[in-house]
């Protein structure tokens, strides 16, 4: 819905922008939610002695992703509102994808 409201242009341009934002969101989320868990499982298989430090490091990485994306989201939102550049609100989806990817990674590491 964001591109239909926030972006000026033809309907085709809005559609392609929506498609690109959707792809960016899903690529960022999938990469950040699967990579740390995949690294952990590989370390667990190949070098069980470093399983605990790897778990702690990847868990911290997941938390850092969530914290930094929240800080970035708030800072970006503040900048957009201050400069009244509402069409840039589309970028907030990236921060949301990073946060959700970090949270998903954290949950996978906690379960596995």
Protein backbone atom coordinates (compact mmCIF):
# COMPACT_ATOMS: atom_id res chain seq x y z
CA UNK A 1 0.00 0.00 0.00
CA UNK A 2 2.92 2.35 0.66
CA UNK A 3 3.93 2.88 -2.98
CA UNK A 4 0.35 3.66 -3.99
CA UNK A 5 0.13 6.49 -1.48
CA UNK A 6 3.70 7.72 -0.98
CA UNK A 7 5.19 7.65 -4.48
CA UNK A 8 4.25 9.93 -7.33
CA UNK A 9 4.15 8.43 -10.79
CA UNK A 10 2.18 6.11 -12.99
CA UNK A 11 0.49 3.00 -11.74
CA UNK A 12 3.19 0.85 -13.41
CA UNK A 13 5.96 2.75 -11.61
CA UNK A 14 4.13 2.33 -8.31
CA UNK A 15 3.69 -1.39 -8.95
CA UNK A 16 7.39 -1.92 -9.70
CA UNK A 17 8.39 0.07 -6.63
CA UNK A 18 6.06 -2.06 -4.50
CA UNK A 19 7.59 -5.20 -6.00
CA UNK A 20 11.14 -4.00 -5.31
CA UNK A 21 10.34 -3.02 -1.73
CA UNK A 22 8.70 -6.40 -1.18
CA UNK A 23 11.72 -8.24 -2.56
CA UNK A 24 14.11 -6.14 -0.49
CA UNK A 25 12.11 -6.85 2.65
CA UNK A 26 11.98 -10.59 2.07
CA UNK A 27 15.63 -10.93 1.03
CA UNK A 28 16.82 -9.01 4.09
CA UNK A 29 14.54 -10.96 6.41
CA UNK A 30 15.39 -14.37 4.97
CA UNK A 31 19.13 -13.70 4.95
CA UNK A 32 19.25 -12.41 8.52
CA UNK A 33 16.91 -15.01 9.95
CA UNK A 34 18.60 -18.04 8.37
CA UNK A 35 22.30 -17.23 8.19
CA UNK A 36 23.19 -17.14 11.93
CA UNK A 37 21.27 -20.36 12.59
CA UNK A 38 22.92 -22.04 9.60
CA UNK A 39 26.34 -20.97 10.85
CA UNK A 40 25.54 -22.32 14.31
CA UNK A 41 24.39 -25.70 12.95
CA UNK A 42 27.51 -25.99 10.81
CA UNK A 43 29.78 -25.19 13.76
CA UNK A 44 27.84 -27.66 15.89
CA UNK A 45 28.43 -30.37 13.30
CA UNK A 46 32.04 -29.66 12.39
CA UNK A 47 33.51 -28.32 15.63
CA UNK A 48 31.39 -29.18 18.68
CA UNK A 49 34.00 -27.72 21.04
CA UNK A 50 33.18 -24.19 19.93
CA UNK A 51 29.43 -24.69 20.08
CA UNK A 52 28.85 -22.66 23.25
CA UNK A 53 30.97 -19.60 22.28
CA UNK A 54 29.42 -19.64 18.79
CA UNK A 55 25.94 -19.73 20.32
CA UNK A 56 26.74 -16.75 22.54
CA UNK A 57 28.30 -14.73 19.71
CA UNK A 58 25.41 -15.39 17.30
CA UNK A 59 22.89 -14.65 20.04
CA UNK A 60 24.60 -11.30 20.69
CA UNK A 61 24.62 -10.67 16.93
CA UNK A 62 20.85 -11.24 16.83
CA UNK A 63 20.29 -8.80 19.69
CA UNK A 64 22.57 -6.21 18.07
CA UNK A 65 20.55 -6.46 14.84
CA UNK A 66 17.34 -5.81 16.77
CA UNK A 67 18.77 -2.92 18.81
CA UNK A 68 20.51 -1.17 15.91
CA UNK A 69 17.52 -1.53 13.61
CA UNK A 70 15.28 0.00 16.28
CA UNK A 71 17.69 2.91 16.77
CA UNK A 72 17.97 3.35 12.99
CA UNK A 73 14.19 3.21 12.57
CA UNK A 74 13.57 5.87 15.21
CA UNK A 75 16.37 8.09 13.88
CA UNK A 76 15.21 7.74 10.28
CA UNK A 77 11.59 8.37 11.23
CA UNK A 78 12.62 11.49 13.14
CA UNK A 79 14.58 12.75 10.11
CA UNK A 80 11.73 12.07 7.69
CA UNK A 81 9.23 13.87 9.89
CA UNK A 82 11.56 16.83 10.50
CA UNK A 83 12.23 17.33 6.78
CA UNK A 84 8.71 16.36 5.67
CA UNK A 85 9.99 13.87 3.09
CA UNK A 86 7.22 11.34 3.54
CA UNK A 87 7.98 9.46 0.32
CA UNK A 88 11.12 8.14 2.04
CA UNK A 89 9.00 6.24 4.56
CA UNK A 90 9.32 3.27 2.21
CA UNK A 91 12.86 2.76 3.58
CA UNK A 92 11.44 1.96 7.01
CA UNK A 93 10.57 -1.50 5.68
CA UNK A 94 14.29 -2.29 5.63
CA UNK A 95 14.61 -1.53 9.34
CA UNK A 96 11.57 -3.68 10.07
CA UNK A 97 13.00 -6.56 8.02
CA UNK A 98 16.32 -6.34 9.88
CA UNK A 99 14.54 -6.32 13.25
CA UNK A 100 12.31 -9.28 12.36
CA UNK A 101 15.27 -11.17 10.88
CA UNK A 102 17.23 -10.68 14.10
CA UNK A 103 14.26 -11.74 16.20
CA UNK A 104 13.64 -14.82 14.08
CA UNK A 105 17.32 -15.71 14.30
CA UNK A 106 17.21 -15.31 18.08
CA UNK A 107 14.19 -17.61 18.33
CA UNK A 108 15.79 -20.26 16.10
CA UNK A 109 19.02 -20.19 18.12
CA UNK A 110 17.07 -20.47 21.38
CA UNK A 111 15.12 -23.48 20.13
CA UNK A 112 18.00 -25.24 18.41
